[in-house]
Amino acid sequence: GIYTLDGYTAMYPLEHKHRFQRVIQGELDKSEELRSYFCDWGSRCYLFSSELGRNYMFSSADNVSVSDLSIDCEALRGMGCRYILSSVSIKEYESLGLRFAGSFRNDDSYWNIRVYEL
């Protein structure tokens, strides 16, 4: 029941991938590995962080954060995005024009989900 712009999916319009690439281009420019991972495989359409690389499984027990995220929040807004859900803390969220909306976790959950509003 959640509409999402990113994910791992076999079928979506190529134009969507091109628009999403504008969102994460700053991070792709920092890492040839991530650029190739995104550009050379159609199913991968994620909000990448060069600091985290291809690792994206961070549990609530992990103390991981991103401190230099280069994403285009205006491009996200243009795609209809209202929130970013993240399993890691985004340190400079205010400089990106984001507002920290809250953190959600329970004892049975693998993740601690942080919600940032655009």
PDB file of N, CA and C in Angstrom:
ATOM      1  N   GLY A   1       0.786  -1.194   0.000  1.00  0.00           N
ATOM      2  CA  GLY A   1       0.000   0.000   0.000  1.00  0.00           C
ATOM      3  C   GLY A   1       0.837   1.271   0.000  1.00  0.00           C
ATOM      4  N   ILE A   2       2.132   1.145  -0.247  1.00  0.00           N
ATOM      5  CA  ILE A   2       2.985   2.334  -0.289  1.00  0.00           C
ATOM      6  C   ILE A   2       3.473   2.524  -1.720  1.00  0.00           C
ATOM      7  N   TYR A   3       3.263   3.692  -2.277  1.00  0.00           N
ATOM      8  CA  TYR A   3       3.772   4.036  -3.588  1.00  0.00           C
ATOM      9  C   TYR A   3       5.244   4.400  -3.436  1.00  0.00           C
ATOM     10  N   THR A   4       6.091   3.817  -4.252  1.00  0.00           N
ATOM     11  CA  THR A   4       7.527   4.069  -4.133  1.00  0.00           C
ATOM     12  C   THR A   4       8.133   4.401  -5.495  1.00  0.00           C
ATOM     13  N   LEU A   5       9.136   5.248  -5.492  1.00  0.00           N
ATOM     14  CA  LEU A   5       9.829   5.609  -6.724  1.00  0.00           C
ATOM     15  C   LEU A   5      11.009   4.697  -7.013  1.00  0.00           C
ATOM     16  N   ASP A   6      11.580   4.094  -5.962  1.00  0.00           N
ATOM     17  CA  ASP A   6      12.753   3.254  -6.193  1.00  0.00           C
ATOM     18  C   ASP A   6      12.445   1.817  -5.819  1.00  0.00           C
ATOM     19  N   GLY A   7      13.371   0.940  -6.204  1.00  0.00           N
ATOM     20  CA  GLY A   7      13.199  -0.467  -5.891  1.00  0.00           C
ATOM     21  C   GLY A   7      13.926  -1.351  -6.878  1.00  0.00           C
ATOM     22  N   TYR A   8      13.710  -2.633  -6.730  1.00  0.00           N
ATOM     23  CA  TYR A   8      14.268  -3.633  -7.632  1.00  0.00           C
ATOM     24  C   TYR A   8      13.087  -4.269  -8.349  1.00  0.00           C
ATOM     25  N   THR A   9      12.902  -3.903  -9.586  1.00  0.00           N
ATOM     26  CA  THR A   9      11.740  -4.369 -10.329  1.00  0.00           C
ATOM     27  C   THR A   9      12.117  -4.660 -11.775  1.00  0.00           C
ATOM     28  N   ALA A  10      11.460  -5.630 -12.350  1.00  0.00           N
ATOM     29  CA  ALA A  10      11.792  -6.057 -13.711  1.00  0.00           C
ATOM     30  C   ALA A  10      11.159  -5.166 -14.778  1.00  0.00           C
ATOM     31  N   MET A  11      10.039  -4.554 -14.454  1.00  0.00           N
ATOM     32  CA  MET A  11       9.303  -3.810 -15.483  1.00  0.00           C
ATOM     33  C   MET A  11       8.933  -2.411 -14.998  1.00  0.00           C
ATOM     34  N   TYR A  12       9.535  -1.421 -15.595  1.00  0.00           N
ATOM     35  CA  TYR A  12       9.122  -0.033 -15.402  1.00  0.00           C
ATOM     36  C   TYR A  12       9.631   0.752 -16.599  1.00  0.00           C
ATOM     37  N   PRO A  13       9.035   1.899 -16.883  1.00  0.00           N
ATOM     38  CA  PRO A  13       9.433   2.659 -18.068  1.00  0.00           C
ATOM     39  C   PRO A  13      10.884   3.148 -17.988  1.00  0.00           C
ATOM     40  N   LEU A  14      11.580   3.086 -19.106  1.00  0.00           N
ATOM     41  CA  LEU A  14      12.961   3.566 -19.168  1.00  0.00           C
ATOM     42  C   LEU A  14      13.037   5.046 -18.796  1.00  0.00           C
ATOM     43  N   GLU A  15      12.028   5.816 -19.150  1.00  0.00           N
ATOM     44  CA  GLU A  15      11.998   7.237 -18.793  1.00  0.00           C
ATOM     45  C   GLU A  15      12.055   7.423 -17.276  1.00  0.00           C
ATOM     46  N   HIS A  16      11.424   6.514 -16.527  1.00  0.00           N
ATOM     47  CA  HIS A  16      11.484   6.587 -15.062  1.00  0.00           C
ATOM     48  C   HIS A  16      12.926   6.417 -14.584  1.00  0.00           C
ATOM     49  N   LYS A  17      13.638   5.450 -15.151  1.00  0.00           N
ATOM     50  CA  LYS A  17      15.039   5.239 -14.758  1.00  0.00           C
ATOM     51  C   LYS A  17      15.868   6.481 -15.078  1.00  0.00           C
ATOM     52  N   HIS A  18      15.637   7.089 -16.228  1.00  0.00           N
ATOM     53  CA  HIS A  18      16.384   8.294 -16.605  1.00  0.00           C
ATOM     54  C   HIS A  18      16.078   9.453 -15.654  1.00  0.00           C
ATOM     55  N   ARG A  19      14.812   9.609 -15.279  1.00  0.00           N
ATOM     56  CA  ARG A  19      14.446  10.659 -14.329  1.00  0.00           C
ATOM     57  C   ARG A  19      15.057  10.383 -12.952  1.00  0.00           C
ATOM     58  N   PHE A  20      15.043   9.122 -12.541  1.00  0.00           N
ATOM     59  CA  PHE A  20      15.607   8.778 -11.238  1.00  0.00           C
ATOM     60  C   PHE A  20      17.124   8.955 -11.237  1.00  0.00           C
ATOM     61  N   GLN A  21      17.767   8.730 -12.368  1.00  0.00           N
ATOM     62  CA  GLN A  21      19.211   8.932 -12.450  1.00  0.00           C
ATOM     63  C   GLN A  21      19.562  10.387 -12.146  1.00  0.00           C
ATOM     64  N   ARG A  22      18.716  11.330 -12.548  1.00  0.00           N
ATOM     65  CA  ARG A  22      18.955  12.746 -12.230  1.00  0.00           C
ATOM     66  C   ARG A  22      18.966  12.959 -10.719  1.00  0.00           C
ATOM     67  N   VAL A  23      18.141  12.210 -10.014  1.00  0.00           N
ATOM     68  CA  VAL A  23      18.069  12.320  -8.557  1.00  0.00           C
ATOM     69  C   VAL A  23      19.389  11.918  -7.917  1.00  0.00           C
ATOM     70  N   ILE A  24      19.974  10.816  -8.370  1.00  0.00           N
ATOM     71  CA  ILE A  24      21.163  10.243  -7.722  1.00  0.00           C
ATOM     72  C   ILE A  24      22.462  10.505  -8.465  1.00  0.00           C
ATOM     73  N   GLN A  25      22.433  11.337  -9.501  1.00  0.00           N
ATOM     74  CA  GLN A  25      23.631  11.564 -10.317  1.00  0.00           C
ATOM     75  C   GLN A  25      24.828  12.011  -9.481  1.00  0.00           C
ATOM     76  N   GLY A  26      24.609  12.846  -8.474  1.00  0.00           N
ATOM     77  CA  GLY A  26      25.710  13.299  -7.614  1.00  0.00           C
ATOM     78  C   GLY A  26      26.410  12.152  -6.916  1.00  0.00           C
ATOM     79  N   GLU A  27      25.653  11.148  -6.502  1.00  0.00           N
ATOM     80  CA  GLU A  27      26.250   9.972  -5.864  1.00  0.00           C
ATOM     81  C   GLU A  27      26.915   9.071  -6.896  1.00  0.00           C
ATOM     82  N   LEU A  28      26.315   8.938  -8.076  1.00  0.00           N
ATOM     83  CA  LEU A  28      26.918   8.118  -9.137  1.00  0.00           C
ATOM     84  C   LEU A  28      28.238   8.722  -9.590  1.00  0.00           C
ATOM     85  N   ASP A  29      28.330  10.052  -9.584  1.00  0.00           N
ATOM     86  CA  ASP A  29      29.577  10.721  -9.981  1.00  0.00           C
ATOM     87  C   ASP A  29      30.710  10.438  -8.999  1.00  0.00           C
ATOM     88  N   LYS A  30      30.394  10.092  -7.785  1.00  0.00           N
ATOM     89  CA  LYS A  30      31.403   9.801  -6.759  1.00  0.00           C
ATOM     90  C   LYS A  30      31.924   8.372  -6.813  1.00  0.00           C
ATOM     91  N   SER A  31      31.219   7.489  -7.530  1.00  0.00           N
ATOM     92  CA  SER A  31      31.575   6.067  -7.492  1.00  0.00           C
ATOM     93  C   SER A  31      31.330   5.407  -8.845  1.00  0.00           C
ATOM     94  N   GLU A  32      32.395   5.029  -9.519  1.00  0.00           N
ATOM     95  CA  GLU A  32      32.272   4.328 -10.795  1.00  0.00           C
ATOM     96  C   GLU A  32      31.562   2.988 -10.601  1.00  0.00           C
ATOM     97  N   GLU A  33      31.802   2.337  -9.457  1.00  0.00           N
ATOM     98  CA  GLU A  33      31.143   1.056  -9.186  1.00  0.00           C
ATOM     99  C   GLU A  33      29.624   1.224  -9.126  1.00  0.00           C
ATOM    100  N   LEU A  34      29.151   2.245  -8.416  1.00  0.00           N
ATOM    101  CA  LEU A  34      27.707   2.480  -8.331  1.00  0.00           C
ATOM    102  C   LEU A  34      27.140   2.942  -9.666  1.00  0.00           C
ATOM    103  N   ARG A  35      27.885   3.764 -10.387  1.00  0.00           N
ATOM    104  CA  ARG A  35      27.425   4.216 -11.701  1.00  0.00           C
ATOM    105  C   ARG A  35      27.180   3.022 -12.610  1.00  0.00           C
ATOM    106  N   SER A  36      28.138   2.112 -12.657  1.00  0.00           N
ATOM    107  CA  SER A  36      27.996   0.915 -13.479  1.00  0.00           C
ATOM    108  C   SER A  36      26.863   0.023 -12.970  1.00  0.00           C
ATOM    109  N   TYR A  37      26.771  -0.119 -11.663  1.00  0.00           N
ATOM    110  CA  TYR A  37      25.728  -0.942 -11.046  1.00  0.00           C
ATOM    111  C   TYR A  37      24.342  -0.424 -11.408  1.00  0.00           C
ATOM    112  N   PHE A  38      24.170   0.890 -11.418  1.00  0.00           N
ATOM    113  CA  PHE A  38      22.886   1.485 -11.765  1.00  0.00           C
ATOM    114  C   PHE A  38      22.652   1.477 -13.272  1.00  0.00           C
ATOM    115  N   CYS A  39      23.623   1.958 -14.030  1.00  0.00           N
ATOM    116  CA  CYS A  39      23.430   2.169 -15.468  1.00  0.00           C
ATOM    117  C   CYS A  39      23.444   0.890 -16.289  1.00  0.00           C
ATOM    118  N   ASP A  40      24.152  -0.122 -15.843  1.00  0.00           N
ATOM    119  CA  ASP A  40      24.318  -1.332 -16.649  1.00  0.00           C
ATOM    120  C   ASP A  40      23.329  -2.439 -16.324  1.00  0.00           C
ATOM    121  N   TRP A  41      22.397  -2.186 -15.417  1.00  0.00           N
ATOM    122  CA  TRP A  41      21.419  -3.215 -15.072  1.00  0.00           C
ATOM    123  C   TRP A  41      20.065  -2.554 -14.891  1.00  0.00           C
ATOM    124  N   GLY A  42      19.094  -2.949 -15.676  1.00  0.00           N
ATOM    125  CA  GLY A  42      17.806  -2.276 -15.712  1.00  0.00           C
ATOM    126  C   GLY A  42      16.982  -2.340 -14.450  1.00  0.00           C
ATOM    127  N   SER A  43      17.065  -3.413 -13.699  1.00  0.00           N
ATOM    128  CA  SER A  43      16.165  -3.610 -12.568  1.00  0.00           C
ATOM    129  C   SER A  43      16.523  -2.764 -11.351  1.00  0.00           C
ATOM    130  N   ARG A  44      17.728  -2.254 -11.288  1.00  0.00           N
ATOM    131  CA  ARG A  44      18.200  -1.534 -10.096  1.00  0.00           C
ATOM    132  C   ARG A  44      17.881  -0.052 -10.201  1.00  0.00           C
ATOM    133  N   CYS A  45      16.986   0.386  -9.371  1.00  0.00           N
ATOM    134  CA  CYS A  45      16.608   1.793  -9.351  1.00  0.00           C
ATOM    135  C   CYS A  45      16.478   2.206  -7.891  1.00  0.00           C
ATOM    136  N   TYR A  46      17.632   2.434  -7.255  1.00  0.00           N
ATOM    137  CA  TYR A  46      17.669   2.734  -5.819  1.00  0.00           C
ATOM    138  C   TYR A  46      18.246   4.115  -5.579  1.00  0.00           C
ATOM    139  N   LEU A  47      17.976   4.654  -4.388  1.00  0.00           N
ATOM    140  CA  LEU A  47      18.619   5.876  -3.953  1.00  0.00           C
ATOM    141  C   LEU A  47      19.958   5.471  -3.333  1.00  0.00           C
ATOM    142  N   PHE A  48      21.014   5.515  -4.138  1.00  0.00           N
ATOM    143  CA  PHE A  48      22.339   5.075  -3.715  1.00  0.00           C
ATOM    144  C   PHE A  48      23.065   6.136  -2.911  1.00  0.00           C
ATOM    145  N   SER A  49      23.986   5.671  -2.066  1.00  0.00           N
ATOM    146  CA  SER A  49      24.927   6.536  -1.369  1.00  0.00           C
ATOM    147  C   SER A  49      26.324   5.990  -1.616  1.00  0.00           C
ATOM    148  N   SER A  50      27.214   6.832  -2.114  1.00  0.00           N
ATOM    149  CA  SER A  50      28.584   6.375  -2.360  1.00  0.00           C
ATOM    150  C   SER A  50      29.285   5.997  -1.057  1.00  0.00           C
ATOM    151  N   GLU A  51      28.865   6.577   0.058  1.00  0.00           N
ATOM    152  CA  GLU A  51      29.458   6.222   1.354  1.00  0.00           C
ATOM    153  C   GLU A  51      29.139   4.785   1.743  1.00  0.00           C
ATOM    154  N   LEU A  52      27.978   4.310   1.359  1.00  0.00           N
ATOM    155  CA  LEU A  52      27.549   2.961   1.734  1.00  0.00           C
ATOM    156  C   LEU A  52      27.870   1.933   0.665  1.00  0.00           C
ATOM    157  N   GLY A  53      28.123   2.386  -0.564  1.00  0.00           N
ATOM    158  CA  GLY A  53      28.408   1.458  -1.650  1.00  0.00           C
ATOM    159  C   GLY A  53      27.186   0.606  -1.976  1.00  0.00           C
ATOM    160  N   ARG A  54      27.428  -0.651  -2.279  1.00  0.00           N
ATOM    161  CA  ARG A  54      26.329  -1.540  -2.649  1.00  0.00           C
ATOM    162  C   ARG A  54      25.705  -2.229  -1.445  1.00  0.00           C
ATOM    163  N   ASN A  55      26.165  -1.917  -0.258  1.00  0.00           N
ATOM    164  CA  ASN A  55      25.585  -2.485   0.951  1.00  0.00           C
ATOM    165  C   ASN A  55      24.340  -1.682   1.321  1.00  0.00           C
ATOM    166  N   TYR A  56      23.241  -2.347   1.525  1.00  0.00           N
ATOM    167  CA  TYR A  56      22.011  -1.655   1.871  1.00  0.00           C
ATOM    168  C   TYR A  56      21.235  -2.345   2.987  1.00  0.00           C
ATOM    169  N   MET A  57      21.810  -3.358   3.603  1.00  0.00           N
ATOM    170  CA  MET A  57      21.136  -4.102   4.669  1.00  0.00           C
ATOM    171  C   MET A  57      21.683  -3.681   6.030  1.00  0.00           C
ATOM    172  N   PHE A  58      21.158  -2.595   6.554  1.00  0.00           N
ATOM    173  CA  PHE A  58      21.590  -2.090   7.843  1.00  0.00           C
ATOM    174  C   PHE A  58      20.476  -2.289   8.853  1.00  0.00           C
ATOM    175  N   SER A  59      20.763  -3.044   9.898  1.00  0.00           N
ATOM    176  CA  SER A  59      19.754  -3.354  10.903  1.00  0.00           C
ATOM    177  C   SER A  59      19.639  -2.228  11.926  1.00  0.00           C
ATOM    178  N   SER A  60      18.646  -2.357  12.782  1.00  0.00           N
ATOM    179  CA  SER A  60      18.477  -1.366  13.848  1.00  0.00           C
ATOM    180  C   SER A  60      19.648  -1.403  14.827  1.00  0.00           C
ATOM    181  N   ALA A  61      20.411  -2.504  14.852  1.00  0.00           N
ATOM    182  CA  ALA A  61      21.572  -2.617  15.736  1.00  0.00           C
ATOM    183  C   ALA A  61      22.805  -1.910  15.164  1.00  0.00           C
ATOM    184  N   ASP A  62      22.811  -1.656  13.858  1.00  0.00           N
ATOM    185  CA  ASP A  62      23.936  -0.979  13.219  1.00  0.00           C
ATOM    186  C   ASP A  62      23.860   0.526  13.488  1.00  0.00           C
ATOM    187  N   ASN A  63      24.988   1.108  13.778  1.00  0.00           N
ATOM    188  CA  ASN A  63      25.051   2.554  14.002  1.00  0.00           C
ATOM    189  C   ASN A  63      25.688   3.181  12.768  1.00  0.00           C
ATOM    190  N   VAL A  64      24.909   3.281  11.692  1.00  0.00           N
ATOM    191  CA  VAL A  64      25.420   3.747  10.410  1.00  0.00           C
ATOM    192  C   VAL A  64      24.696   5.029  10.021  1.00  0.00           C
ATOM    193  N   SER A  65      25.460   5.942   9.447  1.00  0.00           N
ATOM    194  CA  SER A  65      24.855   7.172   8.955  1.00  0.00           C
ATOM    195  C   SER A  65      25.541   7.582   7.657  1.00  0.00           C
ATOM    196  N   VAL A  66      24.884   8.469   6.935  1.00  0.00           N
ATOM    197  CA  VAL A  66      25.422   9.065   5.713  1.00  0.00           C
ATOM    198  C   VAL A  66      25.633  10.542   6.013  1.00  0.00           C
ATOM    199  N   SER A  67      26.833  11.038   5.730  1.00  0.00           N
ATOM    200  CA  SER A  67      27.113  12.423   6.081  1.00  0.00           C
ATOM    201  C   SER A  67      27.277  13.344   4.878  1.00  0.00           C
ATOM    202  N   ASP A  68      27.373  12.782   3.677  1.00  0.00           N
ATOM    203  CA  ASP A  68      27.560  13.626   2.487  1.00  0.00           C
ATOM    204  C   ASP A  68      26.732  13.075   1.333  1.00  0.00           C
ATOM    205  N   LEU A  69      25.421  13.196   1.439  1.00  0.00           N
ATOM    206  CA  LEU A  69      24.515  12.668   0.429  1.00  0.00           C
ATOM    207  C   LEU A  69      24.259  13.721  -0.636  1.00  0.00           C
ATOM    208  N   SER A  70      24.596  13.397  -1.879  1.00  0.00           N
ATOM    209  CA  SER A  70      24.418  14.326  -3.001  1.00  0.00           C
ATOM    210  C   SER A  70      23.262  13.843  -3.868  1.00  0.00           C
ATOM    211  N   ILE A  71      22.061  14.239  -3.491  1.00  0.00           N
ATOM    212  CA  ILE A  71      20.878  13.884  -4.269  1.00  0.00           C
ATOM    213  C   ILE A  71      20.152  15.163  -4.646  1.00  0.00           C
ATOM    214  N   ASP A  72      19.368  15.095  -5.700  1.00  0.00           N
ATOM    215  CA  ASP A  72      18.603  16.234  -6.190  1.00  0.00           C
ATOM    216  C   ASP A  72      17.170  16.114  -5.671  1.00  0.00           C
ATOM    217  N   CYS A  73      16.890  16.797  -4.577  1.00  0.00           N
ATOM    218  CA  CYS A  73      15.567  16.711  -3.957  1.00  0.00           C
ATOM    219  C   CYS A  73      14.496  17.371  -4.811  1.00  0.00           C
ATOM    220  N   GLU A  74      14.872  18.379  -5.611  1.00  0.00           N
ATOM    221  CA  GLU A  74      13.890  18.992  -6.518  1.00  0.00           C
ATOM    222  C   GLU A  74      13.456  17.986  -7.582  1.00  0.00           C
ATOM    223  N   ALA A  75      14.404  17.183  -8.070  1.00  0.00           N
ATOM    224  CA  ALA A  75      14.043  16.141  -9.040  1.00  0.00           C
ATOM    225  C   ALA A  75      13.121  15.106  -8.395  1.00  0.00           C
ATOM    226  N   LEU A  76      13.375  14.777  -7.119  1.00  0.00           N
ATOM    227  CA  LEU A  76      12.481  13.859  -6.398  1.00  0.00           C
ATOM    228  C   LEU A  76      11.078  14.450  -6.288  1.00  0.00           C
ATOM    229  N   ARG A  77      11.004  15.710  -5.898  1.00  0.00           N
ATOM    230  CA  ARG A  77       9.697  16.373  -5.792  1.00  0.00           C
ATOM    231  C   ARG A  77       8.979  16.359  -7.142  1.00  0.00           C
ATOM    232  N   GLY A  78       9.737  16.588  -8.195  1.00  0.00           N
ATOM    233  CA  GLY A  78       9.163  16.587  -9.539  1.00  0.00           C
ATOM    234  C   GLY A  78       8.605  15.230  -9.946  1.00  0.00           C
ATOM    235  N   MET A  79       9.074  14.183  -9.304  1.00  0.00           N
ATOM    236  CA  MET A  79       8.571  12.836  -9.564  1.00  0.00           C
ATOM    237  C   MET A  79       7.417  12.476  -8.632  1.00  0.00           C
ATOM    238  N   GLY A  80       7.047  13.413  -7.759  1.00  0.00           N
ATOM    239  CA  GLY A  80       5.931  13.169  -6.850  1.00  0.00           C
ATOM    240  C   GLY A  80       6.332  12.635  -5.491  1.00  0.00           C
ATOM    241  N   CYS A  81       7.617  12.648  -5.194  1.00  0.00           N
ATOM    242  CA  CYS A  81       8.091  12.123  -3.914  1.00  0.00           C
ATOM    243  C   CYS A  81       7.765  13.091  -2.784  1.00  0.00           C
ATOM    244  N   ARG A  82       7.321  12.544  -1.670  1.00  0.00           N
ATOM    245  CA  ARG A  82       7.031  13.360  -0.486  1.00  0.00           C
ATOM    246  C   ARG A  82       7.898  12.974   0.704  1.00  0.00           C
ATOM    247  N   TYR A  83       8.366  11.723   0.738  1.00  0.00           N
ATOM    248  CA  TYR A  83       9.126  11.224   1.885  1.00  0.00           C
ATOM    249  C   TYR A  83      10.278  10.341   1.414  1.00  0.00           C
ATOM    250  N   ILE A  84      11.339  10.330   2.202  1.00  0.00           N
ATOM    251  CA  ILE A  84      12.424   9.366   2.046  1.00  0.00           C
ATOM    252  C   ILE A  84      12.410   8.495   3.287  1.00  0.00           C
ATOM    253  N   LEU A  85      12.358   7.191   3.091  1.00  0.00           N
ATOM    254  CA  LEU A  85      12.442   6.226   4.186  1.00  0.00           C
ATOM    255  C   LEU A  85      13.834   5.628   4.146  1.00  0.00           C
ATOM    256  N   SER A  86      14.522   5.626   5.275  1.00  0.00           N
ATOM    257  CA  SER A  86      15.912   5.189   5.303  1.00  0.00           C
ATOM    258  C   SER A  86      16.200   4.347   6.540  1.00  0.00           C
ATOM    259  N   SER A  87      16.989   3.300   6.348  1.00  0.00           N
ATOM    260  CA  SER A  87      17.423   2.481   7.491  1.00  0.00           C
ATOM    261  C   SER A  87      18.673   3.060   8.149  1.00  0.00           C
ATOM    262  N   VAL A  88      19.245   4.106   7.551  1.00  0.00           N
ATOM    263  CA  VAL A  88      20.399   4.786   8.142  1.00  0.00           C
ATOM    264  C   VAL A  88      20.067   6.262   8.326  1.00  0.00           C
ATOM    265  N   SER A  89      20.766   6.884   9.229  1.00  0.00           N
ATOM    266  CA  SER A  89      20.571   8.299   9.504  1.00  0.00           C
ATOM    267  C   SER A  89      21.217   9.141   8.400  1.00  0.00           C
ATOM    268  N   ILE A  90      20.524  10.185   7.954  1.00  0.00           N
ATOM    269  CA  ILE A  90      21.067  11.145   6.986  1.00  0.00           C
ATOM    270  C   ILE A  90      21.480  12.373   7.788  1.00  0.00           C
ATOM    271  N   LYS A  91      22.768  12.543   7.973  1.00  0.00           N
ATOM    272  CA  LYS A  91      23.287  13.576   8.868  1.00  0.00           C
ATOM    273  C   LYS A  91      22.958  14.997   8.421  1.00  0.00           C
ATOM    274  N   GLU A  92      23.122  15.318   7.153  1.00  0.00           N
ATOM    275  CA  GLU A  92      22.957  16.701   6.687  1.00  0.00           C
ATOM    276  C   GLU A  92      21.587  16.916   6.051  1.00  0.00           C
ATOM    277  N   TYR A  93      20.566  16.251   6.567  1.00  0.00           N
ATOM    278  CA  TYR A  93      19.240  16.305   5.945  1.00  0.00           C
ATOM    279  C   TYR A  93      18.720  17.737   5.791  1.00  0.00           C
ATOM    280  N   GLU A  94      19.015  18.611   6.746  1.00  0.00           N
ATOM    281  CA  GLU A  94      18.511  19.981   6.650  1.00  0.00           C
ATOM    282  C   GLU A  94      19.117  20.729   5.463  1.00  0.00           C
ATOM    283  N   SER A  95      20.394  20.470   5.167  1.00  0.00           N
ATOM    284  CA  SER A  95      21.022  21.152   4.033  1.00  0.00           C
ATOM    285  C   SER A  95      20.456  20.667   2.702  1.00  0.00           C
ATOM    286  N   LEU A  96      19.808  19.516   2.707  1.00  0.00           N
ATOM    287  CA  LEU A  96      19.138  19.003   1.508  1.00  0.00           C
ATOM    288  C   LEU A  96      17.705  19.525   1.398  1.00  0.00           C
ATOM    289  N   GLY A  97      17.275  20.265   2.410  1.00  0.00           N
ATOM    290  CA  GLY A  97      15.905  20.760   2.415  1.00  0.00           C
ATOM    291  C   GLY A  97      14.913  19.745   2.938  1.00  0.00           C
ATOM    292  N   LEU A  98      15.407  18.770   3.707  1.00  0.00           N
ATOM    293  CA  LEU A  98      14.538  17.739   4.277  1.00  0.00           C
ATOM    294  C   LEU A  98      14.193  18.090   5.718  1.00  0.00           C
ATOM    295  N   ARG A  99      13.098  17.528   6.180  1.00  0.00           N
ATOM    296  CA  ARG A  99      12.685  17.650   7.577  1.00  0.00           C
ATOM    297  C   ARG A  99      12.594  16.256   8.161  1.00  0.00           C
ATOM    298  N   PHE A 100      13.221  16.028   9.317  1.00  0.00           N
ATOM    299  CA  PHE A 100      13.137  14.733   9.974  1.00  0.00           C
ATOM    300  C   PHE A 100      11.733  14.592  10.559  1.00  0.00           C
ATOM    301  N   ALA A 101      10.977  13.610  10.066  1.00  0.00           N
ATOM    302  CA  ALA A 101       9.584  13.435  10.484  1.00  0.00           C
ATOM    303  C   ALA A 101       9.434  12.423  11.607  1.00  0.00           C
ATOM    304  N   GLY A 102      10.439  11.548  11.795  1.00  0.00           N
ATOM    305  CA  GLY A 102      10.353  10.579  12.877  1.00  0.00           C
ATOM    306  C   GLY A 102      11.087   9.296  12.553  1.00  0.00           C
ATOM    307  N   SER A 103      11.141   8.459  13.557  1.00  0.00           N
ATOM    308  CA  SER A 103      11.821   7.174  13.455  1.00  0.00           C
ATOM    309  C   SER A 103      10.869   6.106  13.974  1.00  0.00           C
ATOM    310  N   PHE A 104      10.832   4.981  13.285  1.00  0.00           N
ATOM    311  CA  PHE A 104       9.886   3.932  13.635  1.00  0.00           C
ATOM    312  C   PHE A 104      10.595   2.597  13.781  1.00  0.00           C
ATOM    313  N   ARG A 105      10.374   1.956  14.930  1.00  0.00           N
ATOM    314  CA  ARG A 105      10.991   0.666  15.214  1.00  0.00           C
ATOM    315  C   ARG A 105      10.182  -0.016  16.307  1.00  0.00           C
ATOM    316  N   ASN A 106      10.133  -1.337  16.225  1.00  0.00           N
ATOM    317  CA  ASN A 106       9.603  -2.104  17.345  1.00  0.00           C
ATOM    318  C   ASN A 106      10.546  -3.266  17.610  1.00  0.00           C
ATOM    319  N   ASP A 107      10.346  -3.973  18.699  1.00  0.00           N
ATOM    320  CA  ASP A 107      11.275  -5.023  19.111  1.00  0.00           C
ATOM    321  C   ASP A 107      11.365  -6.174  18.116  1.00  0.00           C
ATOM    322  N   ASP A 108      10.340  -6.372  17.299  1.00  0.00           N
ATOM    323  CA  ASP A 108      10.330  -7.463  16.323  1.00  0.00           C
ATOM    324  C   ASP A 108      10.884  -7.050  14.970  1.00  0.00           C
ATOM    325  N   SER A 109      11.222  -5.783  14.811  1.00  0.00           N
ATOM    326  CA  SER A 109      11.643  -5.272  13.515  1.00  0.00           C
ATOM    327  C   SER A 109      13.158  -5.357  13.337  1.00  0.00           C
ATOM    328  N   TYR A 110      13.585  -5.738  12.146  1.00  0.00           N
ATOM    329  CA  TYR A 110      15.001  -5.756  11.792  1.00  0.00           C
ATOM    330  C   TYR A 110      15.524  -4.330  11.639  1.00  0.00           C
ATOM    331  N   TRP A 111      14.667  -3.438  11.105  1.00  0.00           N
ATOM    332  CA  TRP A 111      15.089  -2.083  10.783  1.00  0.00           C
ATOM    333  C   TRP A 111      14.572  -1.050  11.767  1.00  0.00           C
ATOM    334  N   ASN A 112      15.300   0.043  11.824  1.00  0.00           N
ATOM    335  CA  ASN A 112      14.839   1.280  12.424  1.00  0.00           C
ATOM    336  C   ASN A 112      14.631   2.214  11.235  1.00  0.00           C
ATOM    337  N   ILE A 113      13.398   2.519  10.913  1.00  0.00           N
ATOM    338  CA  ILE A 113      13.095   3.310   9.719  1.00  0.00           C
ATOM    339  C   ILE A 113      13.004   4.784  10.096  1.00  0.00           C
ATOM    340  N   ARG A 114      13.837   5.577   9.447  1.00  0.00           N
ATOM    341  CA  ARG A 114      13.818   7.020   9.624  1.00  0.00           C
ATOM    342  C   ARG A 114      13.060   7.621   8.448  1.00  0.00           C
ATOM    343  N   VAL A 115      12.208   8.570   8.743  1.00  0.00           N
ATOM    344  CA  VAL A 115      11.381   9.200   7.711  1.00  0.00           C
ATOM    345  C   VAL A 115      11.773  10.670   7.604  1.00  0.00           C
ATOM    346  N   TYR A 116      12.120  11.062   6.382  1.00  0.00           N
ATOM    347  CA  TYR A 116      12.468  12.452   6.089  1.00  0.00           C
ATOM    348  C   TYR A 116      11.454  12.974   5.087  1.00  0.00           C
ATOM    349  N   GLU A 117      10.907  14.147   5.380  1.00  0.00           N
ATOM    350  CA  GLU A 117       9.907  14.754   4.499  1.00  0.00           C
ATOM    351  C   GLU A 117      10.580  15.766   3.592  1.00  0.00           C
ATOM    352  N   LEU A 118      10.228  15.714   2.320  1.00  0.00           N
ATOM    353  CA  LEU A 118      10.770  16.680   1.359  1.00  0.00           C
ATOM    354  C   LEU A 118      10.032  17.995   1.490  1.00  0.00           C
TER     355      LEU A 118
END
